[in-house]
C-alpha atoms as a PDB file:
ATOM      1  CA  MET A   1      67.031  39.725  22.613  1.00  0.00           C
ATOM      2  CA  SER A   2      66.801  37.469  19.579  1.00  0.00           C
ATOM      3  CA  THR A   3      63.869  37.012  17.222  1.00  0.00           C
ATOM      4  CA  GLU A   4      62.568  33.567  16.358  1.00  0.00           C
ATOM      5  CA  THR A   5      60.327  32.454  13.521  1.00  0.00           C
ATOM      6  CA  TYR A   6      58.257  29.306  13.752  1.00  0.00           C
ATOM      7  CA  THR A   7      56.482  27.752  10.797  1.00  0.00           C
ATOM      8  CA  GLY A   8      53.858  25.074  10.648  1.00  0.00           C
ATOM      9  CA  GLY A   9      50.871  23.755   8.810  1.00  0.00           C
ATOM     10  CA  CYS A  10      48.042  21.297   8.589  1.00  0.00           C
ATOM     11  CA  LEU A  11      48.146  17.572   7.827  1.00  0.00           C
ATOM     12  CA  CYS A  12      47.238  17.892   4.136  1.00  0.00           C
ATOM     13  CA  GLY A  13      49.659  20.793   3.551  1.00  0.00           C
ATOM     14  CA  THR A  14      47.013  23.227   2.319  1.00  0.00           C
ATOM     15  CA  VAL A  15      47.477  25.667   5.228  1.00  0.00           C
ATOM     16  CA  LYS A  16      50.891  27.044   6.208  1.00  0.00           C
ATOM     17  CA  TYR A  17      51.528  29.695   8.850  1.00  0.00           C
ATOM     18  CA  GLU A  18      54.356  31.647  10.427  1.00  0.00           C
ATOM     19  CA  LEU A  19      54.788  33.011  13.955  1.00  0.00           C
ATOM     20  CA  THR A  20      57.585  35.499  14.634  1.00  0.00           C
ATOM     21  CA  GLY A  21      58.545  37.204  17.864  1.00  0.00           C
ATOM     22  CA  SER A  22      61.253  37.808  20.399  1.00  0.00           C
ATOM     23  CA  ASP A  23      62.275  35.284  23.026  1.00  0.00           C
ATOM     24  CA  ALA A  24      60.215  37.295  25.516  1.00  0.00           C
ATOM     25  CA  ASP A  25      57.130  37.264  23.264  1.00  0.00           C
ATOM     26  CA  ILE A  26      57.019  33.576  22.304  1.00  0.00           C
ATOM     27  CA  HIS A  27      56.459  31.390  25.310  1.00  0.00           C
ATOM     28  CA  GLY A  28      56.916  27.702  25.981  1.00  0.00           C
ATOM     29  CA  VAL A  29      54.388  25.043  25.137  1.00  0.00           C
ATOM     30  CA  THR A  30      51.243  24.851  27.277  1.00  0.00           C
ATOM     31  CA  ALA A  31      49.058  21.749  27.569  1.00  0.00           C
ATOM     32  CA  CYS A  32      45.419  22.686  28.116  1.00  0.00           C
ATOM     33  CA  HIS A  33      43.182  20.039  29.674  1.00  0.00           C
ATOM     34  CA  CYS A  34      39.883  21.984  29.613  1.00  0.00           C
ATOM     35  CA  GLU A  35      36.816  20.204  28.284  1.00  0.00           C
ATOM     36  CA  GLN A  36      36.691  22.255  25.078  1.00  0.00           C
ATOM     37  CA  CYS A  37      40.332  21.545  24.205  1.00  0.00           C
ATOM     38  CA  ARG A  38      39.900  17.858  24.994  1.00  0.00           C
ATOM     39  CA  ARG A  39      36.851  17.594  22.743  1.00  0.00           C
ATOM     40  CA  TRP A  40      38.490  19.666  19.994  1.00  0.00           C
ATOM     41  CA  SER A  41      41.773  17.760  19.900  1.00  0.00           C
ATOM     42  CA  GLY A  42      40.798  14.324  21.178  1.00  0.00           C
ATOM     43  CA  HIS A  43      43.060  14.669  24.248  1.00  0.00           C
ATOM     44  CA  HIS A  44      44.707  17.726  25.797  1.00  0.00           C
ATOM     45  CA  TRP A  45      45.766  20.472  23.396  1.00  0.00           C
ATOM     46  CA  ALA A  46      49.403  21.557  23.369  1.00  0.00           C
ATOM     47  CA  SER A  47      50.177  24.978  21.947  1.00  0.00           C
ATOM     48  CA  LEU A  48      52.911  27.537  21.529  1.00  0.00           C
ATOM     49  CA  HIS A  49      51.721  31.083  22.066  1.00  0.00           C
ATOM     50  CA  GLY A  50      53.106  34.294  20.734  1.00  0.00           C
ATOM     51  CA  PRO A  51      52.203  37.783  19.545  1.00  0.00           C
ATOM     52  CA  LYS A  52      49.224  38.022  17.192  1.00  0.00           C
ATOM     53  CA  VAL A  53      51.030  40.828  15.347  1.00  0.00           C
ATOM     54  CA  GLY A  54      53.778  38.295  14.458  1.00  0.00           C
ATOM     55  CA  PHE A  55      51.321  35.704  13.132  1.00  0.00           C
ATOM     56  CA  SER A  56      50.395  35.227   9.496  1.00  0.00           C
ATOM     57  CA  ILE A  57      48.853  32.540   7.358  1.00  0.00           C
ATOM     58  CA  ILE A  58      51.246  32.339   4.440  1.00  0.00           C
ATOM     59  CA  LYS A  59      49.402  29.716   2.390  1.00  0.00           C
ATOM     60  CA  GLY A  60      45.802  28.531   2.224  1.00  0.00           C
ATOM     61  CA  GLU A  61      44.080  31.258   4.232  1.00  0.00           C
ATOM     62  CA  SER A  62      40.826  30.580   2.395  1.00  0.00           C
ATOM     63  CA  ASN A  63      41.009  27.006   3.681  1.00  0.00           C
ATOM     64  CA  VAL A  64      41.073  28.068   7.338  1.00  0.00           C
ATOM     65  CA  ARG A  65      37.756  27.970   9.155  1.00  0.00           C
ATOM     66  CA  TRP A  66      37.216  29.636  12.518  1.00  0.00           C
ATOM     67  CA  TYR A  67      34.813  28.239  15.071  1.00  0.00           C
ATOM     68  CA  GLN A  68      33.765  30.558  17.885  1.00  0.00           C
ATOM     69  CA  SER A  69      33.722  28.093  20.776  1.00  0.00           C
ATOM     70  CA  SER A  70      32.680  30.640  23.418  1.00  0.00           C
ATOM     71  CA  ASP A  71      31.999  34.335  23.794  1.00  0.00           C
ATOM     72  CA  LYS A  72      35.716  34.827  24.493  1.00  0.00           C
ATOM     73  CA  ALA A  73      37.594  32.500  22.129  1.00  0.00           C
ATOM     74  CA  LYS A  74      37.697  31.075  18.639  1.00  0.00           C
ATOM     75  CA  ARG A  75      39.522  28.094  17.161  1.00  0.00           C
ATOM     76  CA  GLY A  76      40.990  27.750  13.691  1.00  0.00           C
ATOM     77  CA  PHE A  77      41.246  24.554  11.677  1.00  0.00           C
ATOM     78  CA  CYS A  78      41.851  23.333   8.122  1.00  0.00           C
ATOM     79  CA  LYS A  79      38.533  22.741   6.346  1.00  0.00           C
ATOM     80  CA  THR A  80      40.035  19.963   4.201  1.00  0.00           C
ATOM     81  CA  CYS A  81      41.848  17.695   6.664  1.00  0.00           C
ATOM     82  CA  GLY A  82      40.378  18.977   9.950  1.00  0.00           C
ATOM     83  CA  SER A  83      43.739  19.720  11.589  1.00  0.00           C
ATOM     84  CA  THR A  84      43.369  21.795  14.740  1.00  0.00           C
ATOM     85  CA  LEU A  85      45.710  24.740  14.241  1.00  0.00           C
ATOM     86  CA  PHE A  86      44.941  27.953  16.145  1.00  0.00           C
ATOM     87  CA  TRP A  87      43.304  29.324  19.274  1.00  0.00           C
ATOM     88  CA  HIS A  88      42.645  33.015  19.863  1.00  0.00           C
ATOM     89  CA  GLY A  89      41.307  34.296  23.186  1.00  0.00           C
ATOM     90  CA  PHE A  90      39.964  37.614  21.902  1.00  0.00           C
ATOM     91  CA  GLY A  91      37.731  38.080  24.964  1.00  0.00           C
ATOM     92  CA  TYR A  92      40.488  37.691  27.564  1.00  0.00           C
ATOM     93  CA  PRO A  93      42.250  41.042  28.198  1.00  0.00           C
ATOM     94  CA  SER A  94      45.633  39.411  28.894  1.00  0.00           C
ATOM     95  CA  LEU A  95      45.399  37.126  25.821  1.00  0.00           C
ATOM     96  CA  LYS A  96      43.675  39.219  23.127  1.00  0.00           C
ATOM     97  CA  ASP A  97      47.001  40.252  21.555  1.00  0.00           C
ATOM     98  CA  GLN A  98      48.301  36.668  21.445  1.00  0.00           C
ATOM     99  CA  ILE A  99      47.658  33.665  19.238  1.00  0.00           C
ATOM    100  CA  ASP A 100      48.205  30.020  20.106  1.00  0.00           C
ATOM    101  CA  VAL A 101      49.375  27.601  17.431  1.00  0.00           C
ATOM    102  CA  SER A 102      49.173  23.837  17.768  1.00  0.00           C
ATOM    103  CA  ALA A 103      52.521  22.472  18.944  1.00  0.00           C
ATOM    104  CA  GLY A 104      51.891  19.355  16.879  1.00  0.00           C
ATOM    105  CA  SER A 105      51.537  21.416  13.700  1.00  0.00           C
ATOM    106  CA  LEU A 106      54.952  23.071  14.016  1.00  0.00           C
ATOM    107  CA  ASP A 107      57.585  22.204  11.427  1.00  0.00           C
ATOM    108  CA  ASN A 108      60.265  22.483  14.105  1.00  0.00           C
ATOM    109  CA  SER A 109      59.618  23.545  17.690  1.00  0.00           C
ATOM    110  CA  LYS A 110      63.320  24.430  18.109  1.00  0.00           C
ATOM    111  CA  THR A 111      64.087  24.763  21.794  1.00  0.00           C
ATOM    112  CA  ARG A 112      60.545  25.190  23.093  1.00  0.00           C
ATOM    113  CA  VAL A 113      59.436  22.605  25.627  1.00  0.00           C
ATOM    114  CA  LEU A 114      56.307  21.922  27.644  1.00  0.00           C
ATOM    115  CA  THR A 115      56.237  24.489  30.456  1.00  0.00           C
ATOM    116  CA  ARG A 116      52.856  24.001  32.122  1.00  0.00           C
ATOM    117  CA  HIS A 117      49.580  22.101  32.242  1.00  0.00           C
ATOM    118  CA  ILE A 118      46.460  24.263  32.645  1.00  0.00           C
ATOM    119  CA  PHE A 119      42.804  23.593  33.523  1.00  0.00           C
ATOM    120  CA  CYS A 120      43.805  20.290  35.069  1.00  0.00           C
ATOM    121  CA  GLU A 121      40.685  20.252  37.231  1.00  0.00           C
ATOM    122  CA  ASN A 122      38.908  19.316  33.975  1.00  0.00           C
ATOM    123  CA  LYS A 123      41.386  16.729  32.684  1.00  0.00           C
ATOM    124  CA  GLY A 124      40.238  13.335  31.517  1.00  0.00           C
ATOM    125  CA  THR A 125      40.054  10.597  34.133  1.00  0.00           C
ATOM    126  CA  TYR A 126      41.867   8.109  31.893  1.00  0.00           C
ATOM    127  CA  TYR A 127      45.355   9.598  32.357  1.00  0.00           C
ATOM    128  CA  GLN A 128      47.673  11.050  34.993  1.00  0.00           C
ATOM    129  CA  ILE A 129      50.091  13.949  34.735  1.00  0.00           C
ATOM    130  CA  LYS A 130      53.453  12.825  36.061  1.00  0.00           C
ATOM    131  CA  ASP A 131      56.013  14.636  33.917  1.00  0.00           C
ATOM    132  CA  GLY A 132      57.217  17.082  36.588  1.00  0.00           C
ATOM    133  CA  VAL A 133      55.940  20.145  34.672  1.00  0.00           C
ATOM    134  CA  PRO A 134      53.887  22.632  36.767  1.00  0.00           C
ATOM    135  CA  VAL A 135      50.176  21.770  36.998  1.00  0.00           C
ATOM    136  CA  TYR A 136      47.412  24.370  37.453  1.00  0.00           C
ATOM    137  CA  ASP A 137      43.737  23.667  38.130  1.00  0.00           C
ATOM    138  CA  ARG A 138      42.804  26.770  36.121  1.00  0.00           C
ATOM    139  CA  PHE A 139      44.668  29.349  34.067  1.00  0.00           C
ATOM    140  CA  PRO A 140      47.520  30.568  36.320  1.00  0.00           C
ATOM    141  CA  ASP A 141      46.977  34.262  35.535  1.00  0.00           C
ATOM    142  CA  SER A 142      43.231  34.297  36.272  1.00  0.00           C
END
């Protein structure tokens, strides 16, 4: 099993992060269509998720602000440029040890591709999902 390291950052370059894990620990890109992600990102939010233990902010940690969007999750963003960067589901037993990083903030997504659409029952009415990637009305593991 190989180990991969992904790097990324915000629009203004103040915040830089790193996510490291094995192929089994870092999963493909998920597009979330829930109302909170739509409002937060302006559309659906695409993210790569991996082990929280392999995540670190390597530059600009004091510039990261966390917004607790529910009793189970918080979202991280750059306080200068507003880039949406991180999602952590601390209140979900199966997700509390993972971190999601914005796919759009990655320096290079390497071989990771979109693997699923989740919470599609809440998607915006202005678009259709026709890319052939699996679609779930809710989170598939719930």
